[in-house]
C-alpha atoms as a PDB file:
ATOM      1  CA  MET A   1     126.207  23.746 272.280  1.00  0.00           C
ATOM      2  CA  ARG A   2     125.259  24.929 268.825  1.00  0.00           C
ATOM      3  CA  HIS A   3     128.190  27.319 268.555  1.00  0.00           C
ATOM      4  CA  GLY A   4     130.323  25.987 271.463  1.00  0.00           C
ATOM      5  CA  ILE A   5     133.879  27.207 271.358  1.00  0.00           C
ATOM      6  CA  GLY A   6     134.840  30.241 269.363  1.00  0.00           C
ATOM      7  CA  TRP A   7     138.349  30.439 267.931  1.00  0.00           C
ATOM      8  CA  SER A   8     139.894  31.912 264.849  1.00  0.00           C
ATOM      9  CA  ILE A   9     142.200  30.055 262.522  1.00  0.00           C
ATOM     10  CA  VAL A  10     143.660  31.379 259.300  1.00  0.00           C
ATOM     11  CA  PHE A  11     144.020  28.650 256.687  1.00  0.00           C
ATOM     12  CA  VAL A  12     147.043  28.683 254.403  1.00  0.00           C
ATOM     13  CA  ALA A  13     146.946  26.540 251.275  1.00  0.00           C
ATOM     14  CA  SER A  14     150.116  24.686 250.380  1.00  0.00           C
ATOM     15  CA  LEU A  15     151.084  24.912 246.729  1.00  0.00           C
ATOM     16  CA  GLY A  16     154.080  22.584 246.908  1.00  0.00           C
ATOM     17  CA  ALA A  17     154.018  18.809 246.698  1.00  0.00           C
ATOM     18  CA  THR A  18     153.168  17.189 250.009  1.00  0.00           C
ATOM     19  CA  PRO A  19     153.045  13.550 251.021  1.00  0.00           C
ATOM     20  CA  ALA A  20     149.618  11.863 251.017  1.00  0.00           C
ATOM     21  CA  TRP A  21     149.513  11.793 254.801  1.00  0.00           C
ATOM     22  CA  ASN A  22     149.944  15.572 254.944  1.00  0.00           C
ATOM     23  CA  GLN A  23     147.662  16.685 252.119  1.00  0.00           C
ATOM     24  CA  THR A  24     146.277  20.210 252.531  1.00  0.00           C
ATOM     25  CA  SER A  25     144.243  20.794 249.375  1.00  0.00           C
ATOM     26  CA  VAL A  26     140.482  20.916 249.864  1.00  0.00           C
ATOM     27  CA  HIS A  27     139.812  19.792 246.291  1.00  0.00           C
ATOM     28  CA  PRO A  28     142.720  17.714 244.951  1.00  0.00           C
ATOM     29  CA  LYS A  29     142.813  16.916 241.241  1.00  0.00           C
ATOM     30  CA  GLU A  30     142.641  13.186 241.889  1.00  0.00           C
ATOM     31  CA  ILE A  31     140.376  11.670 244.506  1.00  0.00           C
ATOM     32  CA  LYS A  32     142.248   8.927 246.328  1.00  0.00           C
ATOM     33  CA  ALA A  33     141.197   5.943 248.387  1.00  0.00           C
ATOM     34  CA  SER A  34     140.774   6.674 252.070  1.00  0.00           C
ATOM     35  CA  PHE A  35     144.092   7.150 253.862  1.00  0.00           C
ATOM     36  CA  LEU A  36     142.761   4.930 256.673  1.00  0.00           C
ATOM     37  CA  TYR A  37     143.380   1.805 254.566  1.00  0.00           C
ATOM     38  CA  SER A  38     147.066   2.313 255.333  1.00  0.00           C
ATOM     39  CA  CYS A  39     146.535   1.969 259.091  1.00  0.00           C
ATOM     40  CA  LEU A  40     144.016  -0.825 259.613  1.00  0.00           C
ATOM     41  CA  GLU A  41     145.969  -2.298 262.547  1.00  0.00           C
ATOM     42  CA  SER A  42     146.221   0.915 264.581  1.00  0.00           C
ATOM     43  CA  PRO A  43     143.667   3.213 266.213  1.00  0.00           C
ATOM     44  CA  SER A  44     142.436   5.819 263.764  1.00  0.00           C
ATOM     45  CA  LEU A  45     140.039   8.710 263.599  1.00  0.00           C
ATOM     46  CA  SER A  46     138.206  10.381 260.744  1.00  0.00           C
ATOM     47  CA  VAL A  47     135.927  13.371 260.352  1.00  0.00           C
ATOM     48  CA  ALA A  48     134.133  13.307 257.013  1.00  0.00           C
ATOM     49  CA  ALA A  49     131.701  15.655 255.295  1.00  0.00           C
ATOM     50  CA  SER A  50     129.568  14.212 252.511  1.00  0.00           C
ATOM     51  CA  THR A  51     126.463  14.924 250.497  1.00  0.00           C
ATOM     52  CA  PRO A  52     123.343  12.969 251.527  1.00  0.00           C
ATOM     53  CA  TYR A  53     124.051  10.245 248.934  1.00  0.00           C
ATOM     54  CA  HIS A  54     127.847  10.211 249.411  1.00  0.00           C
ATOM     55  CA  ASP A  55     128.280  11.125 245.742  1.00  0.00           C
ATOM     56  CA  GLY A  56     130.506  14.156 246.306  1.00  0.00           C
ATOM     57  CA  SER A  57     132.005  16.579 248.755  1.00  0.00           C
ATOM     58  CA  PRO A  58     129.725  19.303 250.116  1.00  0.00           C
ATOM     59  CA  ALA A  59     130.612  22.998 250.150  1.00  0.00           C
ATOM     60  CA  VAL A  60     132.243  23.063 253.588  1.00  0.00           C
ATOM     61  CA  LYS A  61     135.707  23.484 255.052  1.00  0.00           C
ATOM     62  CA  LEU A  62     136.786  21.304 257.969  1.00  0.00           C
ATOM     63  CA  SER A  63     139.460  21.885 260.579  1.00  0.00           C
ATOM     64  CA  LEU A  64     140.435  19.709 263.512  1.00  0.00           C
ATOM     65  CA  VAL A  65     142.603  20.375 266.567  1.00  0.00           C
ATOM     66  CA  ASP A  66     143.900  17.318 268.455  1.00  0.00           C
ATOM     67  CA  PRO A  67     144.539  17.025 272.229  1.00  0.00           C
ATOM     68  CA  LYS A  68     148.147  18.226 271.699  1.00  0.00           C
ATOM     69  CA  GLY A  69     147.043  21.416 269.898  1.00  0.00           C
ATOM     70  CA  GLN A  70     148.150  20.102 266.497  1.00  0.00           C
ATOM     71  CA  VAL A  71     145.907  20.873 263.516  1.00  0.00           C
ATOM     72  CA  GLN A  72     144.688  19.571 260.177  1.00  0.00           C
ATOM     73  CA  PRO A  73     144.672  21.207 257.689  1.00  0.00           C
ATOM     74  CA  ARG A  74     148.017  22.961 258.088  1.00  0.00           C
ATOM     75  CA  THR A  75     147.761  26.359 259.762  1.00  0.00           C
ATOM     76  CA  THR A  76     150.429  29.032 260.066  1.00  0.00           C
ATOM     77  CA  GLY A  77     152.241  28.767 263.401  1.00  0.00           C
ATOM     78  CA  LYS A  78     150.716  25.391 264.333  1.00  0.00           C
ATOM     79  CA  ARG A  79     152.081  21.866 264.037  1.00  0.00           C
ATOM     80  CA  THR A  80     150.194  19.547 261.698  1.00  0.00           C
ATOM     81  CA  ILE A  81     148.705  16.361 263.196  1.00  0.00           C
ATOM     82  CA  PRO A  82     151.209  13.554 262.443  1.00  0.00           C
ATOM     83  CA  LYS A  83     150.099  10.759 260.081  1.00  0.00           C
ATOM     84  CA  SER A  84     147.053  12.725 258.951  1.00  0.00           C
ATOM     85  CA  SER A  85     145.523  13.829 255.671  1.00  0.00           C
ATOM     86  CA  TYR A  86     142.892  16.303 254.509  1.00  0.00           C
ATOM     87  CA  GLY A  87     141.118  16.232 251.183  1.00  0.00           C
ATOM     88  CA  GLU A  88     138.575  14.454 249.041  1.00  0.00           C
ATOM     89  CA  VAL A  89     138.583  10.681 249.424  1.00  0.00           C
ATOM     90  CA  VAL A  90     136.747   7.607 248.262  1.00  0.00           C
ATOM     91  CA  GLU A  91     135.823   5.761 251.451  1.00  0.00           C
ATOM     92  CA  MET A  92     134.985   2.466 249.670  1.00  0.00           C
ATOM     93  CA  PRO A  93     137.239   1.991 246.606  1.00  0.00           C
ATOM     94  CA  LYS A  94     134.836  -0.515 244.996  1.00  0.00           C
ATOM     95  CA  SER A  95     131.971   1.989 245.243  1.00  0.00           C
ATOM     96  CA  GLN A  96     133.603   5.227 244.128  1.00  0.00           C
ATOM     97  CA  THR A  97     130.405   6.942 243.017  1.00  0.00           C
ATOM     98  CA  ARG A  98     128.691   6.381 246.382  1.00  0.00           C
ATOM     99  CA  SER A  99     131.480   6.894 248.903  1.00  0.00           C
ATOM    100  CA  ARG A 100     133.014  10.290 248.188  1.00  0.00           C
ATOM    101  CA  ALA A 101     133.696  12.669 251.055  1.00  0.00           C
ATOM    102  CA  LEU A 102     135.866  15.531 252.231  1.00  0.00           C
ATOM    103  CA  ALA A 103     137.775  14.041 255.151  1.00  0.00           C
ATOM    104  CA  ILE A 104     140.364  14.597 257.821  1.00  0.00           C
ATOM    105  CA  GLU A 105     141.878  11.191 258.563  1.00  0.00           C
ATOM    106  CA  ILE A 106     144.403  10.313 261.272  1.00  0.00           C
ATOM    107  CA  CYS A 107     146.386   7.090 261.763  1.00  0.00           C
ATOM    108  CA  ASP A 108     147.637   6.383 265.315  1.00  0.00           C
ATOM    109  CA  ALA A 109     145.227   9.037 266.589  1.00  0.00           C
ATOM    110  CA  VAL A 110     145.977  10.528 270.001  1.00  0.00           C
ATOM    111  CA  GLN A 111     143.287   9.778 272.554  1.00  0.00           C
ATOM    112  CA  GLY A 112     141.609  12.774 274.179  1.00  0.00           C
ATOM    113  CA  SER A 113     139.538  15.889 273.423  1.00  0.00           C
ATOM    114  CA  TYR A 114     139.305  17.210 269.860  1.00  0.00           C
ATOM    115  CA  SER A 115     137.895  20.487 268.524  1.00  0.00           C
ATOM    116  CA  LEU A 116     136.099  20.347 265.184  1.00  0.00           C
ATOM    117  CA  ARG A 117     135.204  23.418 263.115  1.00  0.00           C
ATOM    118  CA  VAL A 118     132.842  23.218 260.147  1.00  0.00           C
ATOM    119  CA  GLU A 119     132.635  26.309 257.940  1.00  0.00           C
ATOM    120  CA  GLU A 120     129.755  26.294 255.459  1.00  0.00           C
ATOM    121  CA  THR A 121     130.556  27.769 252.034  1.00  0.00           C
ATOM    122  CA  GLY A 122     127.555  26.711 249.952  1.00  0.00           C
ATOM    123  CA  GLY A 123     123.841  25.999 250.137  1.00  0.00           C
ATOM    124  CA  GLN A 124     123.273  22.250 250.077  1.00  0.00           C
ATOM    125  CA  PRO A 125     122.494  19.514 252.617  1.00  0.00           C
ATOM    126  CA  TYR A 126     125.456  17.620 254.034  1.00  0.00           C
ATOM    127  CA  ARG A 127     126.350  15.214 256.782  1.00  0.00           C
ATOM    128  CA  ILE A 128     129.289  15.142 259.181  1.00  0.00           C
ATOM    129  CA  SER A 129     130.516  11.770 260.431  1.00  0.00           C
ATOM    130  CA  VAL A 130     133.042  11.461 263.248  1.00  0.00           C
ATOM    131  CA  ARG A 131     134.393   7.906 263.316  1.00  0.00           C
ATOM    132  CA  GLY A 132     136.862   6.239 265.649  1.00  0.00           C
ATOM    133  CA  ASN A 133     138.403   2.901 264.676  1.00  0.00           C
ATOM    134  CA  ALA A 134     140.095   0.307 266.882  1.00  0.00           C
ATOM    135  CA  PRO A 135     141.044  -3.374 266.478  1.00  0.00           C
ATOM    136  CA  ASN A 136     137.759  -4.825 267.816  1.00  0.00           C
ATOM    137  CA  THR A 137     135.171  -2.275 266.745  1.00  0.00           C
ATOM    138  CA  SER A 138     134.563   1.250 265.569  1.00  0.00           C
ATOM    139  CA  GLU A 139     132.081   3.895 266.610  1.00  0.00           C
ATOM    140  CA  SER A 140     130.586   6.775 264.664  1.00  0.00           C
ATOM    141  CA  ARG A 141     128.628   9.907 265.508  1.00  0.00           C
ATOM    142  CA  GLY A 142     126.822  11.947 262.886  1.00  0.00           C
ATOM    143  CA  LEU A 143     125.186  15.292 262.251  1.00  0.00           C
ATOM    144  CA  LYS A 144     123.009  16.532 259.368  1.00  0.00           C
ATOM    145  CA  HIS A 145     122.916  20.166 258.284  1.00  0.00           C
ATOM    146  CA  GLN A 146     121.668  22.364 255.479  1.00  0.00           C
ATOM    147  CA  SER A 147     124.627  24.537 254.466  1.00  0.00           C
ATOM    148  CA  ASN A 148     124.220  28.282 254.866  1.00  0.00           C
ATOM    149  CA  ILE A 149     127.083  30.369 253.446  1.00  0.00           C
ATOM    150  CA  GLY A 150     129.178  31.881 256.224  1.00  0.00           C
ATOM    151  CA  ARG A 151     127.752  29.806 259.086  1.00  0.00           C
ATOM    152  CA  VAL A 152     130.307  28.105 261.347  1.00  0.00           C
ATOM    153  CA  TRP A 153     129.756  25.168 263.690  1.00  0.00           C
ATOM    154  CA  ASN A 154     132.184  24.352 266.513  1.00  0.00           C
ATOM    155  CA  TYR A 155     132.064  20.964 268.206  1.00  0.00           C
ATOM    156  CA  ARG A 156     134.122  19.110 270.789  1.00  0.00           C
ATOM    157  CA  PHE A 157     134.382  15.359 271.165  1.00  0.00           C
ATOM    158  CA  PHE A 158     136.377  12.838 273.156  1.00  0.00           C
ATOM    159  CA  TYR A 159     138.027   9.942 271.297  1.00  0.00           C
ATOM    160  CA  HIS A 160     139.397   6.982 273.242  1.00  0.00           C
ATOM    161  CA  VAL A 161     139.984   3.259 272.939  1.00  0.00           C
ATOM    162  CA  GLN A 162     138.721   1.001 275.704  1.00  0.00           C
ATOM    163  CA  ASN A 163     139.100  -2.806 275.535  1.00  0.00           C
ATOM    164  CA  LYS A 164     140.223  -2.420 271.900  1.00  0.00           C
ATOM    165  CA  GLU A 165     136.922  -0.661 271.100  1.00  0.00           C
ATOM    166  CA  ALA A 166     136.786   2.906 269.811  1.00  0.00           C
ATOM    167  CA  LYS A 167     134.554   5.411 271.604  1.00  0.00           C
ATOM    168  CA  ILE A 168     133.375   8.832 270.420  1.00  0.00           C
ATOM    169  CA  GLU A 169     131.597  11.051 272.953  1.00  0.00           C
ATOM    170  CA  TRP A 170     130.367  14.624 272.416  1.00  0.00           C
ATOM    171  CA  LEU A 171     131.601  17.245 274.890  1.00  0.00           C
ATOM    172  CA  ASP A 172     130.348  20.664 275.905  1.00  0.00           C
ATOM    173  CA  GLU A 173     132.561  23.778 275.740  1.00  0.00           C
ATOM    174  CA  ASN A 174     133.976  22.901 279.203  1.00  0.00           C
ATOM    175  CA  ASP A 175     134.937  19.338 278.117  1.00  0.00           C
ATOM    176  CA  ARG A 176     132.112  17.713 280.098  1.00  0.00           C
ATOM    177  CA  LEU A 177     130.493  14.649 278.539  1.00  0.00           C
ATOM    178  CA  LEU A 178     127.077  15.291 277.039  1.00  0.00           C
ATOM    179  CA  ASP A 179     124.220  12.867 277.617  1.00  0.00           C
ATOM    180  CA  PRO A 180     124.320  10.485 274.595  1.00  0.00           C
ATOM    181  CA  ARG A 181     120.506  10.175 274.725  1.00  0.00           C
ATOM    182  CA  VAL A 182     120.051  13.887 273.988  1.00  0.00           C
ATOM    183  CA  PRO A 183     120.686  15.014 270.378  1.00  0.00           C
ATOM    184  CA  LEU A 184     123.658  17.342 270.005  1.00  0.00           C
ATOM    185  CA  ASP A 185     121.920  19.413 267.312  1.00  0.00           C
ATOM    186  CA  MET A 186     118.608  19.273 265.565  1.00  0.00           C
ATOM    187  CA  ASN A 187     119.112  17.541 262.234  1.00  0.00           C
ATOM    188  CA  GLU A 188     118.246  20.020 259.496  1.00  0.00           C
ATOM    189  CA  TRP A 189     117.187  17.432 256.909  1.00  0.00           C
END
């Protein structure tokens, strides 16, 4: 599944002011607290890229397509995922130097199959964390890569809430569940 689904998306940067929940800048001037703090009582989903020590954002670009075909970040001709944001965040406001990440965050996330694209633009190690949150518990899946300029990873996962518990399950290119005991990719660091 290393390079599962192939699709092309042209990213368009927004230069105008946009609300926090619809942020499209990869590197905003001010790093804000995680958008997910505004939706603690509802199901939420985040995909975050961070350096190994969570002290900055790695040289990658993220894009996510939800089960309804909506995207984040904004793409020409596509609807943006409602109640979502994209940009640099501080995941733990009291530990700003050790919780920085580039993240796509969604409040009231739609349950179903998501497509994640990771485009590497630098040459450093990074981690990807896919995290689903629900009232009782959250679940996270992670990957570790060494960035290689121009390399693109495509992943699919299924997000759902069962008994108020979030579940994240990796999928193959045909939306079949992958065995959770078998690593999705070889960790590169």
